[in-house]
């Protein structure tokens, strides 16, 4: 109980976007601030089995927990991209130029490394088609 009471002011300061008093590490080259929290898009209305859905909203809703800024998938992919000599921005799937639709679908259905495979209940084939088309829109 004492520990919770001692940490409460720190948590409140962090929630309000303030630096807690006495936090010298941030001003002396400590870790960078956390990225701005991003809300995932609402699930688009309509039949989940129908073609022609909004790929950007589906990506945000279905994949965003891991693949928006600050997500575990983005963190892991950023590390891989930097190790390969690419800029950190390539850790965000939405910024990638080297993806093709078949690869995206294969990774979603089969999984890869830390990413679990997703069933057709979690992401329908029509939703996956829209997501893959959106991710490869610049190709």
N, C-alpha and C. Protein backbone atom coordinates (compact mmCIF):
# COMPACT_ATOMS: atom_id res chain seq x y z
N UNK A 1 0.83 -1.19 0.00
CA UNK A 1 0.00 0.00 0.00
C UNK A 1 0.87 1.26 0.00
N UNK A 2 1.94 1.24 0.84
CA UNK A 2 2.82 2.40 0.87
C UNK A 2 3.45 2.65 -0.49
N UNK A 3 3.88 1.56 -1.15
CA UNK A 3 4.52 1.68 -2.45
C UNK A 3 3.57 2.32 -3.46
N UNK A 4 2.32 1.90 -3.45
CA UNK A 4 1.33 2.45 -4.38
C UNK A 4 1.14 3.95 -4.13
N UNK A 5 1.09 4.35 -2.85
CA UNK A 5 0.92 5.76 -2.53
C UNK A 5 2.14 6.57 -2.95
N UNK A 6 3.33 5.98 -2.85
CA UNK A 6 4.53 6.70 -3.24
C UNK A 6 4.63 6.85 -4.76
N UNK A 7 4.13 5.86 -5.50
CA UNK A 7 4.24 5.89 -6.95
C UNK A 7 3.08 6.63 -7.62
N UNK A 8 2.00 6.87 -6.90
CA UNK A 8 0.83 7.52 -7.49
C UNK A 8 1.15 8.89 -8.08
N UNK A 9 1.92 9.77 -7.41
CA UNK A 9 2.22 11.07 -8.03
C UNK A 9 3.01 10.93 -9.33
N UNK A 10 3.90 9.93 -9.41
CA UNK A 10 4.65 9.71 -10.64
C UNK A 10 3.72 9.29 -11.76
N UNK A 11 2.80 8.39 -11.46
CA UNK A 11 1.86 7.91 -12.47
C UNK A 11 0.95 9.03 -12.95
N UNK A 12 0.47 9.86 -12.02
CA UNK A 12 -0.39 10.98 -12.41
C UNK A 12 0.36 11.98 -13.26
N UNK A 13 1.60 12.26 -12.92
CA UNK A 13 2.39 13.19 -13.72
C UNK A 13 2.59 12.64 -15.12
N UNK A 14 2.86 11.34 -15.22
CA UNK A 14 3.07 10.74 -16.53
C UNK A 14 1.80 10.78 -17.36
N UNK A 15 0.65 10.54 -16.73
CA UNK A 15 -0.62 10.56 -17.45
C UNK A 15 -0.94 11.95 -17.98
N UNK A 16 -0.49 12.97 -17.26
CA UNK A 16 -0.76 14.34 -17.67
C UNK A 16 0.31 14.88 -18.62
N UNK A 17 1.28 14.03 -19.00
CA UNK A 17 2.31 14.45 -19.92
C UNK A 17 3.37 15.32 -19.27
N UNK A 18 3.45 15.32 -17.93
CA UNK A 18 4.42 16.13 -17.22
C UNK A 18 5.60 15.28 -16.80
N UNK A 19 6.74 15.91 -16.64
CA UNK A 19 7.90 15.23 -16.08
C UNK A 19 7.76 15.25 -14.57
N UNK A 20 7.92 14.10 -13.89
CA UNK A 20 7.88 14.11 -12.44
C UNK A 20 9.05 14.92 -11.89
N UNK A 21 8.84 15.54 -10.75
CA UNK A 21 9.89 16.33 -10.12
C UNK A 21 11.10 15.45 -9.83
N UNK A 22 12.28 15.98 -10.10
CA UNK A 22 13.50 15.25 -9.80
C UNK A 22 13.88 14.23 -10.86
N UNK A 23 13.24 14.23 -12.01
CA UNK A 23 13.57 13.28 -13.06
C UNK A 23 14.66 13.90 -13.93
N UNK A 24 15.90 13.77 -13.49
CA UNK A 24 17.02 14.39 -14.18
C UNK A 24 17.44 13.61 -15.41
N UNK A 25 17.10 12.31 -15.48
CA UNK A 25 17.59 11.50 -16.59
C UNK A 25 17.04 11.97 -17.93
N UNK A 26 15.79 12.43 -17.97
CA UNK A 26 15.20 12.87 -19.23
C UNK A 26 15.88 14.13 -19.74
N UNK A 27 16.27 15.02 -18.83
CA UNK A 27 16.91 16.26 -19.24
C UNK A 27 18.41 16.08 -19.45
N UNK A 28 18.96 14.95 -19.03
CA UNK A 28 20.40 14.71 -19.17
C UNK A 28 20.69 13.58 -20.14
N UNK A 29 19.89 13.46 -21.18
CA UNK A 29 20.16 12.45 -22.20
C UNK A 29 19.62 11.08 -21.86
N UNK A 30 18.60 11.00 -21.05
CA UNK A 30 17.99 9.72 -20.71
C UNK A 30 17.19 9.18 -21.89
N UNK A 31 16.35 8.21 -21.64
CA UNK A 31 15.57 7.62 -22.73
C UNK A 31 14.64 8.64 -23.36
N UNK A 32 14.35 8.47 -24.65
CA UNK A 32 13.44 9.40 -25.31
C UNK A 32 12.02 9.23 -24.76
N UNK A 33 11.18 10.23 -24.97
CA UNK A 33 9.80 10.12 -24.49
C UNK A 33 9.06 9.03 -25.26
N UNK A 34 8.04 8.49 -24.65
CA UNK A 34 7.22 7.47 -25.30
C UNK A 34 6.50 8.09 -26.49
N UNK A 35 6.26 7.31 -27.55
CA UNK A 35 5.52 7.87 -28.70
C UNK A 35 4.09 8.20 -28.30
N UNK A 36 3.50 9.10 -29.03
CA UNK A 36 2.12 9.49 -28.78
C UNK A 36 1.23 8.27 -28.98
N UNK A 37 0.31 8.07 -28.07
CA UNK A 37 -0.60 6.93 -28.18
C UNK A 37 -1.49 7.10 -29.40
N UNK A 38 -1.68 6.02 -30.13
CA UNK A 38 -2.52 6.06 -31.31
C UNK A 38 -3.74 5.17 -31.11
N UNK A 39 -4.90 5.73 -31.32
CA UNK A 39 -6.12 4.94 -31.26
C UNK A 39 -6.26 4.16 -32.55
N UNK A 40 -6.66 2.92 -32.44
CA UNK A 40 -6.94 2.14 -33.63
C UNK A 40 -8.29 2.58 -34.19
N UNK A 41 -8.43 2.45 -35.49
CA UNK A 41 -9.69 2.81 -36.15
C UNK A 41 -10.79 1.86 -35.70
N UNK A 42 -12.02 2.35 -35.75
CA UNK A 42 -13.16 1.48 -35.47
C UNK A 42 -13.29 0.47 -36.59
N UNK A 43 -13.85 -0.68 -36.25
CA UNK A 43 -14.08 -1.71 -37.25
C UNK A 43 -15.09 -1.18 -38.27
N UNK A 44 -14.76 -1.22 -39.56
CA UNK A 44 -15.72 -0.75 -40.57
C UNK A 44 -17.01 -1.56 -40.51
N UNK A 45 -18.12 -0.87 -40.68
CA UNK A 45 -19.42 -1.54 -40.66
C UNK A 45 -19.60 -2.37 -41.92
N UNK A 46 -20.47 -3.33 -41.85
CA UNK A 46 -20.80 -4.13 -43.03
C UNK A 46 -20.42 -5.58 -42.89
N UNK A 47 -20.64 -6.30 -43.95
CA UNK A 47 -20.39 -7.73 -44.01
C UNK A 47 -18.89 -8.01 -44.03
N UNK A 48 -18.39 -8.75 -43.05
CA UNK A 48 -16.96 -9.06 -42.98
C UNK A 48 -16.50 -9.96 -44.12
N UNK A 49 -17.41 -10.61 -44.79
CA UNK A 49 -17.05 -11.51 -45.88
C UNK A 49 -17.11 -10.84 -47.24
N UNK A 50 -17.58 -9.59 -47.28
CA UNK A 50 -17.73 -8.88 -48.54
C UNK A 50 -16.41 -8.24 -48.97
N UNK A 51 -16.19 -8.20 -50.27
CA UNK A 51 -14.99 -7.57 -50.83
C UNK A 51 -15.16 -6.05 -50.82
N UNK A 52 -14.05 -5.34 -51.04
CA UNK A 52 -14.11 -3.90 -51.19
C UNK A 52 -14.16 -3.13 -49.89
N UNK A 53 -13.68 -3.70 -48.81
CA UNK A 53 -13.69 -3.00 -47.52
C UNK A 53 -12.54 -1.99 -47.44
N UNK A 54 -12.57 -1.13 -46.44
CA UNK A 54 -11.56 -0.09 -46.24
C UNK A 54 -10.29 -0.72 -45.64
N UNK A 55 -9.27 -0.90 -46.47
CA UNK A 55 -8.04 -1.56 -46.04
C UNK A 55 -7.30 -0.81 -44.95
N UNK A 56 -7.29 0.52 -45.00
CA UNK A 56 -6.58 1.30 -43.98
C UNK A 56 -7.24 1.12 -42.62
N UNK A 57 -8.56 1.21 -42.56
CA UNK A 57 -9.27 1.04 -41.29
C UNK A 57 -9.14 -0.40 -40.79
N UNK A 58 -9.20 -1.36 -41.69
CA UNK A 58 -9.04 -2.77 -41.29
C UNK A 58 -7.64 -3.02 -40.76
N UNK A 59 -6.61 -2.47 -41.42
CA UNK A 59 -5.24 -2.62 -40.94
C UNK A 59 -5.11 -2.03 -39.54
N UNK A 60 -5.64 -0.82 -39.36
CA UNK A 60 -5.56 -0.17 -38.06
C UNK A 60 -6.26 -1.00 -36.99
N UNK A 61 -7.46 -1.50 -37.30
CA UNK A 61 -8.25 -2.24 -36.31
C UNK A 61 -7.70 -3.63 -36.06
N UNK A 62 -7.37 -4.35 -37.11
CA UNK A 62 -6.96 -5.75 -36.97
C UNK A 62 -5.47 -5.91 -36.67
N UNK A 63 -4.65 -5.02 -37.18
CA UNK A 63 -3.19 -5.18 -37.07
C UNK A 63 -2.54 -4.11 -36.20
N UNK A 64 -3.28 -3.04 -35.91
CA UNK A 64 -2.71 -1.87 -35.25
C UNK A 64 -2.18 -2.09 -33.86
N UNK A 65 -2.72 -3.03 -33.11
CA UNK A 65 -2.22 -3.26 -31.75
C UNK A 65 -0.73 -3.57 -31.77
N UNK A 66 -0.27 -4.22 -32.80
CA UNK A 66 1.15 -4.57 -32.92
C UNK A 66 1.89 -3.72 -33.95
N UNK A 67 1.19 -3.26 -34.99
CA UNK A 67 1.89 -2.65 -36.12
C UNK A 67 1.68 -1.16 -36.30
N UNK A 68 1.10 -0.46 -35.32
CA UNK A 68 1.14 1.00 -35.32
C UNK A 68 2.35 1.42 -34.50
N UNK A 69 2.65 2.70 -34.47
CA UNK A 69 3.82 3.19 -33.73
C UNK A 69 3.76 2.74 -32.27
N UNK A 70 4.87 2.23 -31.78
CA UNK A 70 4.96 1.78 -30.39
C UNK A 70 4.53 0.36 -30.17
N UNK A 71 4.00 -0.31 -31.18
CA UNK A 71 3.57 -1.70 -31.03
C UNK A 71 4.75 -2.66 -31.07
N UNK A 72 4.55 -3.84 -30.49
CA UNK A 72 5.62 -4.83 -30.42
C UNK A 72 6.11 -5.21 -31.81
N UNK A 73 5.21 -5.42 -32.75
CA UNK A 73 5.62 -5.77 -34.10
C UNK A 73 6.45 -4.68 -34.74
N UNK A 74 6.06 -3.43 -34.55
CA UNK A 74 6.81 -2.30 -35.10
C UNK A 74 8.19 -2.23 -34.47
N UNK A 75 8.27 -2.43 -33.15
CA UNK A 75 9.57 -2.40 -32.48
C UNK A 75 10.50 -3.48 -33.01
N UNK A 76 10.00 -4.69 -33.18
CA UNK A 76 10.83 -5.78 -33.68
C UNK A 76 11.23 -5.55 -35.13
N UNK A 77 10.28 -5.11 -35.96
CA UNK A 77 10.59 -4.86 -37.37
C UNK A 77 11.56 -3.69 -37.52
N UNK A 78 11.45 -2.67 -36.68
CA UNK A 78 12.38 -1.54 -36.73
C UNK A 78 13.80 -2.01 -36.44
N UNK A 79 13.94 -2.86 -35.44
CA UNK A 79 15.25 -3.41 -35.11
C UNK A 79 15.83 -4.18 -36.30
N UNK A 80 15.00 -5.00 -36.95
CA UNK A 80 15.45 -5.76 -38.11
C UNK A 80 15.81 -4.84 -39.27
N UNK A 81 15.00 -3.83 -39.52
CA UNK A 81 15.26 -2.92 -40.64
C UNK A 81 16.54 -2.12 -40.42
N UNK A 82 16.76 -1.64 -39.21
CA UNK A 82 17.98 -0.89 -38.91
C UNK A 82 19.20 -1.79 -39.06
N UNK A 83 19.10 -3.03 -38.58
CA UNK A 83 20.21 -3.98 -38.72
C UNK A 83 20.52 -4.26 -40.18
N UNK A 84 19.51 -4.17 -41.04
CA UNK A 84 19.70 -4.40 -42.47
C UNK A 84 20.17 -3.13 -43.20
N UNK A 85 20.36 -2.04 -42.46
CA UNK A 85 20.84 -0.80 -43.06
C UNK A 85 19.76 0.13 -43.56
N UNK A 86 18.51 -0.17 -43.24
CA UNK A 86 17.38 0.67 -43.67
C UNK A 86 17.05 1.69 -42.59
N UNK A 87 16.37 2.78 -42.95
CA UNK A 87 15.98 3.76 -41.94
C UNK A 87 14.93 3.19 -40.99
N UNK A 88 14.87 3.67 -39.76
CA UNK A 88 13.91 3.15 -38.78
C UNK A 88 12.46 3.27 -39.22
N UNK A 89 12.15 4.22 -40.09
CA UNK A 89 10.77 4.40 -40.56
C UNK A 89 10.24 3.15 -41.26
N UNK A 90 11.14 2.30 -41.75
CA UNK A 90 10.72 1.09 -42.44
C UNK A 90 10.21 0.02 -41.48
N UNK A 91 10.30 0.28 -40.18
CA UNK A 91 9.71 -0.63 -39.20
C UNK A 91 8.20 -0.59 -39.20
N UNK A 92 7.63 0.51 -39.66
CA UNK A 92 6.18 0.61 -39.79
C UNK A 92 5.76 -0.03 -41.11
N UNK A 93 4.89 -1.02 -41.04
CA UNK A 93 4.47 -1.71 -42.26
C UNK A 93 3.86 -0.75 -43.28
N UNK A 94 3.18 0.27 -42.80
CA UNK A 94 2.54 1.24 -43.71
C UNK A 94 3.57 2.00 -44.53
N UNK A 95 4.82 2.04 -44.09
CA UNK A 95 5.87 2.77 -44.83
C UNK A 95 6.67 1.88 -45.78
N UNK A 96 6.44 0.59 -45.72
CA UNK A 96 7.26 -0.34 -46.51
C UNK A 96 6.91 -0.27 -47.99
N UNK A 97 7.93 -0.41 -48.82
CA UNK A 97 7.76 -0.41 -50.28
C UNK A 97 8.11 -1.77 -50.87
N UNK A 98 8.56 -2.70 -50.03
CA UNK A 98 9.05 -3.99 -50.52
C UNK A 98 8.08 -5.14 -50.28
N UNK A 99 6.87 -4.85 -49.87
CA UNK A 99 5.90 -5.91 -49.60
C UNK A 99 5.05 -6.18 -50.83
N UNK A 100 4.65 -7.43 -50.99
CA UNK A 100 3.65 -7.73 -52.01
C UNK A 100 2.49 -8.45 -51.33
N UNK A 101 1.35 -8.46 -51.98
CA UNK A 101 0.12 -8.96 -51.36
C UNK A 101 0.23 -10.42 -50.97
N UNK A 102 0.85 -11.25 -51.81
CA UNK A 102 0.97 -12.67 -51.49
C UNK A 102 1.82 -12.88 -50.23
N UNK A 103 2.88 -12.10 -50.08
CA UNK A 103 3.73 -12.21 -48.89
C UNK A 103 2.96 -11.81 -47.64
N UNK A 104 2.23 -10.70 -47.71
CA UNK A 104 1.44 -10.25 -46.56
C UNK A 104 0.45 -11.33 -46.14
N UNK A 105 -0.26 -11.89 -47.09
CA UNK A 105 -1.25 -12.93 -46.79
C UNK A 105 -0.58 -14.17 -46.21
N UNK A 106 0.56 -14.53 -46.74
CA UNK A 106 1.29 -15.70 -46.25
C UNK A 106 1.72 -15.52 -44.79
N UNK A 107 2.24 -14.36 -44.46
CA UNK A 107 2.68 -14.10 -43.08
C UNK A 107 1.49 -14.07 -42.14
N UNK A 108 0.39 -13.45 -42.56
CA UNK A 108 -0.79 -13.38 -41.70
C UNK A 108 -1.36 -14.77 -41.43
N UNK A 109 -1.46 -15.59 -42.45
CA UNK A 109 -2.05 -16.92 -42.29
C UNK A 109 -1.09 -17.93 -41.65
N UNK A 110 0.20 -17.79 -41.91
CA UNK A 110 1.17 -18.77 -41.39
C UNK A 110 1.95 -18.30 -40.19
N UNK A 111 1.94 -17.00 -39.91
CA UNK A 111 2.76 -16.46 -38.83
C UNK A 111 4.22 -16.36 -39.26
N UNK A 112 4.98 -15.61 -38.49
CA UNK A 112 6.41 -15.49 -38.76
C UNK A 112 7.09 -14.99 -37.49
N UNK A 113 8.03 -15.75 -37.02
CA UNK A 113 8.80 -15.43 -35.81
C UNK A 113 7.82 -15.10 -34.66
N UNK A 114 7.83 -13.88 -34.15
CA UNK A 114 7.00 -13.53 -32.99
C UNK A 114 5.53 -13.32 -33.36
N UNK A 115 5.23 -13.19 -34.66
CA UNK A 115 3.84 -12.96 -35.06
C UNK A 115 3.10 -14.29 -35.16
N UNK A 116 2.00 -14.39 -34.42
CA UNK A 116 1.21 -15.63 -34.53
C UNK A 116 0.41 -15.65 -35.83
N UNK A 117 0.05 -16.83 -36.27
CA UNK A 117 -0.81 -16.92 -37.44
C UNK A 117 -2.21 -16.47 -37.04
N UNK A 118 -2.93 -15.86 -37.96
CA UNK A 118 -4.28 -15.39 -37.69
C UNK A 118 -5.26 -16.23 -38.50
N UNK A 119 -6.30 -16.69 -37.83
CA UNK A 119 -7.30 -17.54 -38.48
C UNK A 119 -8.26 -16.70 -39.32
N UNK A 120 -9.10 -17.39 -40.07
CA UNK A 120 -10.11 -16.71 -40.89
C UNK A 120 -11.25 -16.15 -40.04
N UNK A 121 -11.30 -16.54 -38.78
CA UNK A 121 -12.26 -15.94 -37.85
C UNK A 121 -11.72 -14.58 -37.39
N UNK A 122 -10.43 -14.51 -37.11
CA UNK A 122 -9.82 -13.26 -36.66
C UNK A 122 -9.76 -12.22 -37.78
N UNK A 123 -9.35 -12.66 -38.97
CA UNK A 123 -9.28 -11.79 -40.15
C UNK A 123 -9.81 -12.62 -41.31
N UNK A 124 -10.96 -12.21 -41.84
CA UNK A 124 -11.54 -12.98 -42.95
C UNK A 124 -10.68 -12.82 -44.20
N UNK A 125 -10.90 -13.68 -45.19
CA UNK A 125 -10.15 -13.57 -46.44
C UNK A 125 -10.42 -12.23 -47.13
N UNK A 126 -11.66 -11.76 -47.10
CA UNK A 126 -11.99 -10.47 -47.71
C UNK A 126 -11.27 -9.33 -46.99
N UNK A 127 -11.23 -9.39 -45.65
CA UNK A 127 -10.51 -8.37 -44.88
C UNK A 127 -9.02 -8.42 -45.20
N UNK A 128 -8.46 -9.62 -45.25
CA UNK A 128 -7.04 -9.77 -45.54
C UNK A 128 -6.71 -9.26 -46.95
N UNK A 129 -7.58 -9.52 -47.91
CA UNK A 129 -7.37 -8.99 -49.26
C UNK A 129 -7.30 -7.46 -49.23
N UNK A 130 -8.21 -6.83 -48.48
CA UNK A 130 -8.24 -5.36 -48.39
C UNK A 130 -7.00 -4.83 -47.67
N UNK A 131 -6.58 -5.50 -46.60
CA UNK A 131 -5.38 -5.08 -45.87
C UNK A 131 -4.15 -5.21 -46.75
N UNK A 132 -4.01 -6.35 -47.43
CA UNK A 132 -2.84 -6.56 -48.31
C UNK A 132 -2.83 -5.54 -49.45
N UNK A 133 -3.98 -5.25 -50.01
CA UNK A 133 -4.05 -4.25 -51.08
C UNK A 133 -3.65 -2.89 -50.57
N UNK A 134 -4.08 -2.53 -49.36
CA UNK A 134 -3.72 -1.23 -48.80
C UNK A 134 -2.22 -1.16 -48.50
N UNK A 135 -1.66 -2.22 -47.91
CA UNK A 135 -0.22 -2.20 -47.60
C UNK A 135 0.64 -2.13 -48.85
N UNK A 136 0.15 -2.62 -49.96
CA UNK A 136 0.94 -2.64 -51.20
C UNK A 136 0.47 -1.57 -52.20
N UNK A 137 -0.28 -0.59 -51.73
CA UNK A 137 -0.90 0.42 -52.60
C UNK A 137 0.12 1.23 -53.41
N UNK A 138 1.32 1.41 -52.93
CA UNK A 138 2.30 2.24 -53.64
C UNK A 138 3.09 1.41 -54.66
N UNK A 139 2.83 0.12 -54.73
CA UNK A 139 3.60 -0.74 -55.64
C UNK A 139 2.91 -0.87 -56.95
